[in-house]
Protein backbone atom coordinates (compact mmCIF):
# COMPACT_ATOMS: atom_id res chain seq x y z
CA MET A 1 -20.23 -71.80 7.54
CA LYS A 2 -17.92 -69.00 6.35
CA LYS A 3 -14.94 -70.85 7.85
CA MET A 4 -15.89 -74.04 5.94
CA ILE A 5 -16.17 -72.10 2.66
CA LEU A 6 -12.80 -70.46 3.24
CA CYS A 7 -11.26 -73.88 3.93
CA MET A 8 -12.77 -75.26 0.73
CA VAL A 9 -11.48 -72.28 -1.26
CA ALA A 10 -8.04 -72.72 0.28
CA MET A 11 -8.06 -76.42 -0.64
CA PHE A 12 -9.13 -75.58 -4.24
CA ILE A 13 -6.38 -72.97 -4.63
CA THR A 14 -3.81 -75.35 -3.16
CA GLY A 15 -4.93 -78.05 -5.57
CA MET A 16 -4.59 -75.69 -8.54
CA LEU A 17 -1.13 -74.62 -7.47
CA SER A 18 -0.10 -78.26 -7.01
CA ALA A 19 -1.27 -79.17 -10.49
CA GLN A 20 0.59 -76.22 -11.98
CA GLU A 21 3.64 -77.26 -10.00
CA ILE A 22 3.78 -80.65 -11.76
CA THR A 23 2.67 -79.68 -15.29
CA GLY A 24 5.24 -79.31 -18.05
CA ARG A 25 7.94 -81.32 -19.79
CA TRP A 26 10.04 -83.59 -17.57
CA THR A 27 13.17 -85.38 -18.81
CA GLY A 28 15.45 -88.06 -17.39
CA SER A 29 17.28 -91.29 -18.24
CA ILE A 30 17.08 -94.90 -17.13
CA SER A 31 20.06 -97.26 -17.23
CA LEU A 32 19.88 -100.78 -18.70
CA GLY A 33 23.37 -102.20 -18.29
CA ASN A 34 25.55 -100.03 -20.50
CA ILE A 35 22.52 -98.45 -22.19
CA LYS A 36 21.01 -95.13 -21.20
CA LEU A 37 17.52 -94.42 -22.50
CA ARG A 38 16.03 -90.95 -22.30
CA LEU A 39 12.39 -90.65 -21.23
CA VAL A 40 10.21 -87.56 -21.44
CA PHE A 41 6.84 -87.03 -19.73
CA HIS A 42 4.55 -84.23 -20.96
CA ILE A 43 2.14 -83.51 -18.09
CA GLN A 44 -0.91 -81.30 -18.71
CA GLN A 45 -3.78 -79.94 -16.65
CA SER A 46 -7.34 -79.69 -17.97
CA GLU A 47 -10.84 -79.44 -16.52
CA GLN A 48 -10.89 -83.24 -16.39
CA GLY A 49 -7.69 -83.36 -14.33
CA LEU A 50 -4.07 -84.25 -15.06
CA SER A 51 -3.03 -86.16 -18.17
CA ALA A 52 0.32 -87.12 -19.71
CA THR A 53 2.09 -88.59 -22.70
CA LEU A 54 5.45 -90.36 -22.76
CA ASP A 55 8.32 -90.05 -25.27
CA SER A 56 11.33 -92.34 -25.63
CA PRO A 57 13.52 -90.31 -28.03
CA ASP A 58 16.25 -92.96 -28.31
CA GLN A 59 13.66 -95.50 -29.49
CA ASP A 60 11.98 -93.00 -31.80
CA ALA A 61 8.73 -93.33 -29.80
CA LYS A 62 6.62 -90.23 -29.20
CA GLY A 63 3.23 -89.39 -27.72
CA ILE A 64 2.54 -92.69 -25.90
CA PRO A 65 -0.69 -91.95 -23.96
CA CYS A 66 -0.57 -92.47 -20.19
CA ASP A 67 -3.69 -93.91 -18.55
CA THR A 68 -3.62 -92.26 -15.14
CA VAL A 69 -1.72 -89.36 -13.58
CA THR A 70 -2.09 -88.89 -9.83
CA PHE A 71 -0.38 -86.08 -7.96
CA ASN A 72 -0.81 -85.87 -4.19
CA PRO A 73 1.99 -83.46 -3.32
CA PRO A 74 4.75 -84.35 -3.19
CA ALA A 75 3.97 -87.86 -4.59
CA LEU A 76 3.44 -88.47 -8.33
CA ARG A 77 2.26 -91.69 -9.97
CA ILE A 78 1.88 -92.21 -13.73
CA VAL A 79 0.59 -95.47 -15.22
CA THR A 80 1.02 -96.40 -18.91
CA ARG A 81 -0.73 -99.74 -19.42
CA SER A 82 -0.01 -100.07 -23.16
CA ILE A 83 3.67 -100.70 -22.39
CA GLY A 84 3.15 -102.21 -18.92
CA ALA A 85 4.90 -99.31 -17.20
CA SER A 86 4.51 -96.98 -14.23
CA TYR A 87 6.46 -94.12 -12.70
CA ASP A 88 6.45 -93.32 -8.98
CA ALA A 89 8.30 -90.24 -7.79
CA VAL A 90 8.49 -87.50 -5.20
CA LEU A 91 8.81 -83.84 -6.15
CA GLU A 92 11.75 -82.21 -4.39
CA ASN A 93 12.84 -78.67 -5.30
CA ASP A 94 11.67 -78.90 -8.92
CA THR A 95 13.21 -82.37 -9.35
CA LEU A 96 11.29 -85.65 -9.54
CA LYS A 97 13.09 -88.45 -7.72
CA GLY A 98 11.70 -91.90 -8.24
CA PHE A 99 11.56 -95.22 -10.06
CA PHE A 100 10.31 -96.31 -13.47
CA SER A 101 8.85 -99.85 -13.49
CA GLN A 102 8.14 -101.99 -16.53
CA VAL A 103 7.08 -105.66 -16.54
CA GLY A 104 8.70 -106.22 -13.15
CA MET A 105 11.91 -104.28 -13.75
CA LYS A 106 12.41 -101.31 -11.41
CA MET A 107 14.89 -98.64 -12.51
CA GLN A 108 15.82 -95.37 -10.88
CA LEU A 109 14.56 -92.39 -12.84
CA ASP A 110 15.16 -88.84 -11.64
CA MET A 111 13.68 -86.16 -13.85
CA VAL A 112 14.10 -82.41 -14.22
CA ARG A 113 11.75 -79.88 -15.68
CA ASP A 114 12.64 -79.00 -19.27
CA ASP A 115 10.04 -76.75 -20.83
CA THR A 116 11.84 -76.33 -24.14
CA SER A 117 9.84 -77.26 -27.23
CA GLY A 118 12.11 -80.22 -28.00
CA ASP A 119 15.61 -81.58 -28.11
CA LEU A 120 18.05 -79.57 -30.20
CA VAL A 121 19.79 -82.34 -32.13
CA LYS A 122 22.65 -81.53 -34.48
CA ARG A 123 22.47 -83.20 -37.89
CA PRO A 124 25.34 -81.52 -39.77
CA GLN A 125 24.93 -83.63 -42.93
CA GLU A 126 21.26 -82.76 -43.42
CA PRO A 127 21.05 -80.49 -46.49
CA SER A 128 18.79 -77.50 -46.78
CA PRO A 129 17.67 -75.49 -49.84
CA PRO A 130 18.53 -73.90 -52.13
CA PHE A 131 19.98 -77.02 -53.77
CA PRO A 132 22.45 -76.87 -56.70
CA TYR A 133 20.32 -79.38 -58.62
CA HIS A 134 16.77 -79.97 -59.85
CA SER A 135 14.26 -81.35 -57.28
CA GLU A 136 10.71 -82.34 -58.20
CA GLU A 137 7.74 -83.82 -56.34
CA VAL A 138 6.39 -86.78 -58.34
CA THR A 139 3.79 -89.55 -58.20
CA PHE A 140 3.75 -92.90 -59.97
CA VAL A 141 1.42 -95.90 -60.05
CA ASN A 142 2.00 -99.51 -59.05
CA SER A 143 -0.47 -100.94 -61.56
CA THR A 144 -0.10 -104.47 -60.16
CA ASP A 145 -1.63 -103.45 -56.81
CA ASN A 146 -3.37 -100.26 -58.02
CA ILE A 147 -1.46 -97.99 -55.63
CA THR A 148 -0.28 -94.43 -56.22
CA LEU A 149 3.07 -93.68 -54.60
CA ALA A 150 4.50 -90.23 -53.91
CA GLY A 151 8.14 -89.24 -53.86
CA THR A 152 10.91 -86.83 -54.80
CA LEU A 153 13.05 -87.02 -57.92
CA THR A 154 16.37 -85.16 -57.80
CA LEU A 155 18.43 -84.70 -60.96
CA PRO A 156 21.88 -83.09 -61.41
CA ALA A 157 20.25 -80.59 -63.79
CA LYS A 158 16.80 -79.93 -65.18
CA GLU A 159 17.90 -80.87 -68.69
CA GLY A 160 20.18 -83.72 -69.72
CA GLU A 161 20.27 -87.51 -69.50
CA PHE A 162 21.50 -89.00 -66.23
CA PRO A 163 21.91 -92.33 -64.45
CA VAL A 164 19.27 -92.59 -61.71
CA VAL A 165 18.86 -94.83 -58.67
CA VAL A 166 15.72 -95.78 -56.75
CA LEU A 167 16.12 -95.84 -52.98
CA ILE A 168 14.30 -98.69 -51.17
CA SER A 169 13.80 -98.33 -47.42
CA GLY A 170 14.27 -100.75 -44.56
CA SER A 171 11.56 -102.44 -42.48
CA GLY A 172 8.70 -100.53 -40.93
CA PRO A 173 6.67 -97.69 -42.43
CA GLN A 174 9.22 -95.17 -43.74
CA ASN A 175 8.80 -91.86 -45.51
CA ARG A 176 10.88 -90.93 -48.55
CA ASP A 177 13.78 -89.77 -46.33
CA GLU A 178 13.75 -93.08 -44.38
CA GLU A 179 13.36 -90.85 -41.34
CA LEU A 180 14.19 -92.52 -38.02
CA MET A 181 15.86 -91.65 -34.73
CA GLY A 182 16.01 -88.01 -35.77
CA HIS A 183 18.00 -88.86 -38.92
CA LYS A 184 17.07 -88.67 -42.61
CA PRO A 185 19.49 -91.12 -44.29
CA PHE A 186 17.82 -91.13 -47.71
CA LEU A 187 17.81 -87.33 -47.84
CA VAL A 188 21.56 -87.33 -47.16
CA ILE A 189 22.23 -90.11 -49.71
CA ALA A 190 20.07 -88.46 -52.38
CA ASP A 191 21.76 -85.11 -51.86
CA TYR A 192 25.27 -86.57 -52.10
CA LEU A 193 24.56 -88.70 -55.17
CA THR A 194 22.78 -85.92 -57.05
CA ARG A 195 25.61 -83.48 -56.37
CA ASN A 196 27.90 -86.12 -57.90
CA GLY A 197 25.96 -86.55 -61.14
CA ILE A 198 23.59 -89.40 -60.20
CA GLY A 199 19.84 -88.78 -60.04
CA VAL A 200 17.74 -90.25 -57.22
CA LEU A 201 14.08 -91.22 -56.83
CA ARG A 202 13.04 -91.74 -53.23
CA TYR A 203 9.42 -92.36 -52.23
CA ASP A 204 7.13 -92.80 -49.24
CA ASP A 205 6.35 -96.43 -48.44
CA ARG A 206 2.81 -97.51 -49.35
CA GLY A 207 0.31 -96.36 -46.72
CA THR A 208 2.85 -93.86 -45.35
CA ALA A 209 2.98 -90.06 -45.59
CA GLN A 210 1.64 -89.13 -49.07
CA SER A 211 1.59 -92.63 -50.63
CA GLY A 212 -1.60 -94.62 -51.01
CA GLY A 213 -2.19 -98.27 -50.20
CA ARG A 214 -2.05 -100.16 -46.93
CA PHE A 215 1.23 -100.91 -45.18
CA ALA A 216 0.08 -103.26 -42.40
CA THR A 217 -0.86 -106.20 -44.64
CA ALA A 218 2.06 -105.93 -47.07
CA THR A 219 5.12 -108.19 -47.30
CA SER A 220 8.56 -107.72 -48.84
CA SER A 221 7.19 -109.24 -52.05
CA ASP A 222 4.47 -106.56 -52.19
CA PHE A 223 7.04 -103.82 -51.60
CA SER A 224 9.07 -105.16 -54.52
CA ASN A 225 6.14 -104.31 -56.80
CA ASP A 226 6.36 -100.71 -55.58
CA ALA A 227 10.09 -100.55 -56.37
CA GLU A 228 9.54 -102.04 -59.82
CA ALA A 229 6.84 -99.46 -60.49
CA ALA A 230 9.41 -96.76 -59.68
CA ILE A 231 11.70 -98.17 -62.39
CA GLU A 232 8.93 -98.18 -64.96
CA TYR A 233 8.09 -94.59 -64.08
CA LEU A 234 11.73 -93.51 -64.55
CA ARG A 235 11.72 -95.07 -68.01
CA THR A 236 9.09 -92.52 -69.03
CA ARG A 237 11.33 -89.57 -68.15
CA HIS A 238 13.48 -88.13 -70.93
CA GLU A 239 16.07 -86.90 -68.40
CA VAL A 240 16.79 -90.49 -67.30
CA ASP A 241 19.30 -92.78 -69.03
CA SER A 242 17.06 -95.83 -69.31
CA LEU A 243 20.10 -98.12 -69.58
CA ARG A 244 21.48 -96.91 -66.24
CA ILE A 245 18.62 -97.22 -63.76
CA GLY A 246 19.74 -98.91 -60.56
CA LEU A 247 18.41 -99.80 -57.11
CA ILE A 248 19.87 -99.01 -53.70
CA GLY A 249 18.18 -100.92 -50.89
CA HIS A 250 18.86 -100.55 -47.17
CA SER A 251 18.23 -103.48 -44.78
CA GLU A 252 14.90 -104.96 -45.95
CA GLY A 253 15.43 -102.85 -49.06
CA GLY A 254 18.52 -105.01 -49.59
CA ILE A 255 16.17 -108.00 -49.82
CA ILE A 256 13.76 -106.23 -52.15
CA ALA A 257 16.35 -104.94 -54.66
CA PRO A 258 17.47 -108.48 -55.69
CA MET A 259 13.80 -109.54 -56.02
CA VAL A 260 13.26 -106.84 -58.63
CA ALA A 261 16.60 -107.37 -60.39
CA ALA A 262 16.04 -111.13 -60.63
CA ARG A 263 12.86 -110.68 -62.69
CA ASN A 264 13.50 -107.36 -64.42
CA ARG A 265 16.54 -107.25 -66.71
CA ARG A 266 16.12 -103.49 -67.09
CA VAL A 267 17.77 -103.01 -63.68
CA ALA A 268 21.31 -101.90 -64.51
CA PHE A 269 22.82 -102.53 -61.05
CA ILE A 270 21.92 -102.90 -57.39
CA VAL A 271 23.53 -101.71 -54.16
CA MET A 272 22.72 -103.69 -51.01
CA LEU A 273 23.25 -101.64 -47.84
CA ALA A 274 23.15 -104.03 -44.87
CA GLY A 275 21.29 -106.46 -47.12
CA VAL A 276 20.31 -109.93 -45.96
CA GLY A 277 21.88 -113.13 -47.31
CA VAL A 278 20.64 -115.73 -44.81
CA PRO A 279 17.08 -116.98 -44.14
CA GLY A 280 14.98 -114.60 -42.05
CA HIS A 281 14.69 -116.82 -38.99
CA GLU A 282 18.48 -117.26 -38.89
CA LEU A 283 18.99 -113.51 -39.17
CA MET A 284 16.58 -112.86 -36.29
CA LYS A 285 18.32 -115.33 -33.98
CA THR A 286 21.68 -113.68 -34.59
CA GLN A 287 20.14 -110.23 -34.25
CA VAL A 288 18.69 -111.06 -30.82
CA GLU A 289 22.12 -112.17 -29.58
CA ASP A 290 24.16 -109.36 -31.16
CA MET A 291 21.83 -106.56 -30.05
CA ALA A 292 21.73 -107.88 -26.49
CA LYS A 293 25.51 -108.24 -26.36
CA ALA A 294 26.09 -104.71 -27.68
CA SER A 295 23.64 -103.41 -25.09
CA GLY A 296 25.55 -105.00 -22.22
CA VAL A 297 22.94 -107.66 -21.34
CA PRO A 298 24.51 -110.31 -19.04
CA ASP A 299 25.34 -113.74 -20.49
CA SER A 300 22.72 -115.53 -18.35
CA ALA A 301 19.92 -113.23 -19.53
CA ARG A 302 21.07 -113.53 -23.16
CA LYS A 303 20.89 -117.32 -22.99
CA ILE A 304 17.31 -117.16 -21.72
CA ASN A 305 16.47 -114.58 -24.37
CA ASN A 306 17.95 -116.77 -27.13
CA ARG A 307 15.94 -119.81 -25.98
CA ILE A 308 12.74 -117.73 -26.01
CA ALA A 309 13.48 -116.50 -29.54
CA GLU A 310 14.14 -120.04 -30.84
CA ARG A 311 10.87 -121.34 -29.39
CA ILE A 312 8.90 -118.44 -30.88
CA TYR A 313 10.39 -118.84 -34.37
CA GLU A 314 9.88 -122.60 -34.29
CA LEU A 315 6.21 -122.13 -33.41
CA ILE A 316 5.66 -119.75 -36.33
CA LEU A 317 7.59 -121.85 -38.84
CA THR A 318 6.06 -125.23 -38.01
CA SER A 319 2.33 -124.50 -37.74
CA SER A 320 -0.25 -122.98 -40.07
CA ASP A 321 -3.01 -122.84 -37.42
CA GLN A 322 -3.00 -119.15 -36.51
CA ASP A 323 -5.19 -119.52 -33.41
CA TYR A 324 -2.97 -122.30 -32.08
CA VAL A 325 0.19 -120.32 -32.76
CA LEU A 326 -1.23 -117.18 -31.11
CA ASP A 327 -2.24 -119.13 -27.99
CA SER A 328 1.11 -120.90 -27.89
CA LEU A 329 3.06 -117.68 -28.39
CA THR A 330 1.08 -115.98 -25.64
CA ALA A 331 1.70 -118.87 -23.24
CA CYS A 332 5.37 -119.01 -24.19
CA MET A 333 5.89 -115.29 -23.62
CA ARG A 334 3.99 -115.33 -20.33
CA GLN A 335 6.02 -118.28 -19.06
CA SER A 336 9.26 -116.69 -20.16
CA LEU A 337 8.49 -113.32 -18.59
CA GLN A 338 7.50 -115.02 -15.36
CA ALA A 339 10.83 -116.87 -15.33
CA ILE A 340 12.83 -113.71 -16.01
CA LEU A 341 10.68 -111.26 -14.03
CA PRO A 342 8.93 -113.26 -11.28
CA GLY A 343 7.66 -110.14 -9.53
CA SER A 344 5.70 -108.74 -12.46
CA SER A 345 1.90 -108.79 -12.30
CA PRO A 346 -0.44 -110.02 -15.07
CA GLU A 347 -1.73 -106.45 -15.49
CA GLU A 348 1.79 -105.31 -16.30
CA LYS A 349 2.67 -108.25 -18.56
CA ASN A 350 -0.50 -108.75 -20.61
CA PRO A 351 -0.33 -105.63 -22.82
CA ILE A 352 3.31 -106.38 -23.70
CA ILE A 353 2.56 -110.04 -24.41
CA GLN A 354 -0.49 -109.33 -26.56
CA PHE A 355 1.26 -106.64 -28.59
CA ASN A 356 4.33 -108.77 -29.33
CA ALA A 357 2.38 -111.98 -30.03
CA LYS A 358 0.23 -110.23 -32.65
CA ARG A 359 3.27 -108.50 -34.14
CA MET A 360 5.00 -111.86 -34.60
CA LEU A 361 1.97 -113.13 -36.55
CA SER A 362 1.76 -110.17 -38.93
CA PRO A 363 1.91 -111.05 -42.65
CA TRP A 364 5.24 -109.22 -42.96
CA MET A 365 6.91 -111.09 -40.09
CA GLN A 366 5.69 -114.52 -41.20
CA TYR A 367 6.91 -113.88 -44.73
CA PHE A 368 10.25 -112.53 -43.51
CA LEU A 369 10.98 -115.43 -41.16
CA ARG A 370 10.33 -117.95 -43.93
CA TYR A 371 12.14 -116.10 -46.72
CA ASP A 372 15.52 -117.36 -47.96
CA PRO A 373 17.28 -114.76 -50.16
CA ALA A 374 19.72 -117.23 -51.73
CA PRO A 375 17.53 -118.61 -54.58
CA THR A 376 16.68 -115.04 -55.66
CA LEU A 377 20.30 -113.86 -55.46
CA ARG A 378 21.34 -116.74 -57.75
CA LYS A 379 19.11 -115.23 -60.45
CA VAL A 380 20.65 -111.72 -60.25
CA THR A 381 22.94 -111.15 -63.22
CA CYS A 382 23.45 -107.36 -63.05
CA PRO A 383 26.40 -105.79 -61.16
CA VAL A 384 26.01 -105.91 -57.37
CA LEU A 385 27.66 -103.89 -54.59
CA ALA A 386 27.03 -105.31 -51.10
CA LEU A 387 28.15 -103.26 -48.09
CA ASN A 388 27.85 -103.88 -44.35
CA GLY A 389 29.29 -102.15 -41.31
CA THR A 390 31.45 -104.31 -39.04
CA LYS A 391 29.47 -103.05 -36.01
CA ASP A 392 26.04 -103.77 -37.46
CA THR A 393 24.06 -105.57 -34.71
CA GLN A 394 20.87 -105.92 -36.79
CA VAL A 395 22.32 -107.57 -39.91
CA ALA A 396 25.61 -109.28 -39.03
CA ALA A 397 28.21 -108.31 -41.62
CA GLN A 398 30.32 -111.43 -41.96
CA SER A 399 27.60 -114.09 -42.18
CA ASN A 400 25.33 -112.09 -44.50
CA LEU A 401 28.05 -110.84 -46.85
CA SER A 402 29.46 -114.35 -47.13
CA ALA A 403 26.02 -115.74 -47.98
CA ILE A 404 25.40 -112.98 -50.54
CA ARG A 405 28.74 -113.61 -52.25
CA LYS A 406 28.18 -117.38 -52.29
CA ALA A 407 24.70 -117.14 -53.84
CA LEU A 408 25.75 -114.62 -56.50
CA GLU A 409 28.77 -116.71 -57.49
CA GLU A 410 26.66 -119.86 -57.65
CA GLY A 411 24.39 -118.04 -60.10
CA GLY A 412 27.33 -117.08 -62.29
CA ASN A 413 27.42 -113.36 -61.47
CA THR A 414 30.91 -112.07 -62.25
CA ASP A 415 30.46 -108.37 -61.41
CA LEU A 416 30.08 -108.35 -57.65
CA THR A 417 31.79 -106.27 -54.98
CA VAL A 418 31.37 -107.30 -51.35
CA ARG A 419 32.88 -105.13 -48.61
CA GLU A 420 32.84 -104.77 -44.84
CA LEU A 421 33.19 -101.14 -43.75
CA PRO A 422 35.09 -100.85 -40.45
CA GLY A 423 33.40 -99.24 -37.46
CA LEU A 424 29.99 -98.60 -39.04
CA ASN A 425 26.63 -99.63 -37.59
CA HIS A 426 23.37 -100.65 -39.28
CA LEU A 427 22.67 -97.06 -40.34
CA PHE A 428 26.23 -96.73 -41.67
CA GLN A 429 27.21 -94.31 -38.92
CA GLU A 430 30.65 -94.25 -37.34
CA CYS A 431 29.88 -95.64 -33.89
CA THR A 432 31.23 -97.10 -30.65
CA THR A 433 29.21 -100.27 -29.96
CA GLY A 434 26.61 -100.59 -32.73
CA ALA A 435 23.78 -100.67 -30.17
CA LEU A 436 20.45 -99.14 -31.20
CA ASN A 437 20.54 -96.52 -28.46
CA GLU A 438 23.53 -94.90 -30.18
CA TYR A 439 21.65 -94.13 -33.39
CA ALA A 440 19.92 -90.99 -32.14
CA THR A 441 22.88 -89.65 -30.15
CA ILE A 442 25.37 -89.80 -33.06
CA GLU A 443 25.37 -86.53 -34.99
CA GLN A 444 26.49 -88.20 -38.22
CA THR A 445 23.67 -89.57 -40.39
CA PHE A 446 25.66 -91.57 -42.97
CA ALA A 447 29.43 -92.03 -43.07
CA PRO A 448 31.09 -90.02 -45.88
CA SER A 449 33.42 -92.97 -46.53
CA ALA A 450 30.41 -95.16 -47.39
CA LEU A 451 28.93 -92.49 -49.66
CA GLU A 452 32.25 -92.24 -51.52
CA VAL A 453 32.35 -96.02 -52.07
CA ILE A 454 28.80 -96.03 -53.48
CA VAL A 455 29.36 -93.15 -55.91
CA ALA A 456 32.74 -94.43 -57.14
CA TRP A 457 31.32 -97.92 -57.77
CA ILE A 458 28.29 -96.62 -59.71
CA LYS A 459 30.42 -94.33 -61.86
CA GLU A 460 32.69 -97.26 -62.79
CA ARG A 461 29.70 -99.06 -64.32
CA LYS A 462 29.10 -97.02 -67.47
């Protein structure tokens, strides 16, 4: 009996040591063609057993819960059903050697223990206080939708009368700094403009950070009401030159700014940063191709991917029966994944399919795919600056800038400046390929050359 108890105690101690051996922060990278994506597992031990979360820093994804963590030394298995993924590895001398699988794709992933609190990422442009200008936390109300929005107003000085711009963020829930991939573009832009005599109001998107309202059900049209409310708020401030209030919109914000300017003659000027000039469904088709090409996806896979995208957009654009479209999208995605990844199981595919099918039917996506910016741009009479980077893979520079120029000229706008900025990506960073995985690894947040163009153009319009 004593021998059995001793054996049980020995097994318990061994189990505890094994769990401690695998707990911690593990980092590694998978390769997808020319792309390298960092993955981080945070493995913890509790009374209930092992648990884990997954980060993908280069995709700005953190804290994805893992469903099961099994460690039978030296073998580790982690399953994350929400993204259809699993990781199987063997622990060898404090290194995990194994493979990461997702919807049928199997990629080598060796990981090392990294128990630091996080990645030390250099962001040399990110300003820190004390600032040589006035900064104030503010709130304002979108009376149309009864939403209170929160933001930061920066002014060159506490007293005076200054031109002021409203910053309008790109797609997805963004805070006032448009924070993504470890960067804070709007903080950098606001700091640079304010230091150069131009005030800035930047705000949290509705339903995000400190702003009220609901983000999930809103469309670009709804967001335009928020931007217009920002203008009306600025008109109540004695430090603001009410005749020189402008809008700077990035990406989707470059769609929203013309919406506001077309109906509100109080907008003195607009700056479109990677703004859209073609219909949404056309933009998405080009985006699918350009992003895949920049990421090194083979021609054969890109062709399949393009056909899938066309079928999906056609389904959404040609039917108003949501149940039918959802069923058709699900079947289309399942068939396509089976063709591309014949070895993947339904358990691996279903979460991915369901998530993407529902995302494609969101109010925002349906509005965006159907929206044509041209009729709105023809109504914009204020000065317009439209900038795109030549390596932008999300909003193609040439086709969108050409469409923006054409629509503005058709509407009789005579004060327009349209420029391609060499070597810049969608975030206006100096880059190599323009692929999304570069965003986080580039130290620069916003190219100084682009900031100089924006400030010089605004100052010319007195």
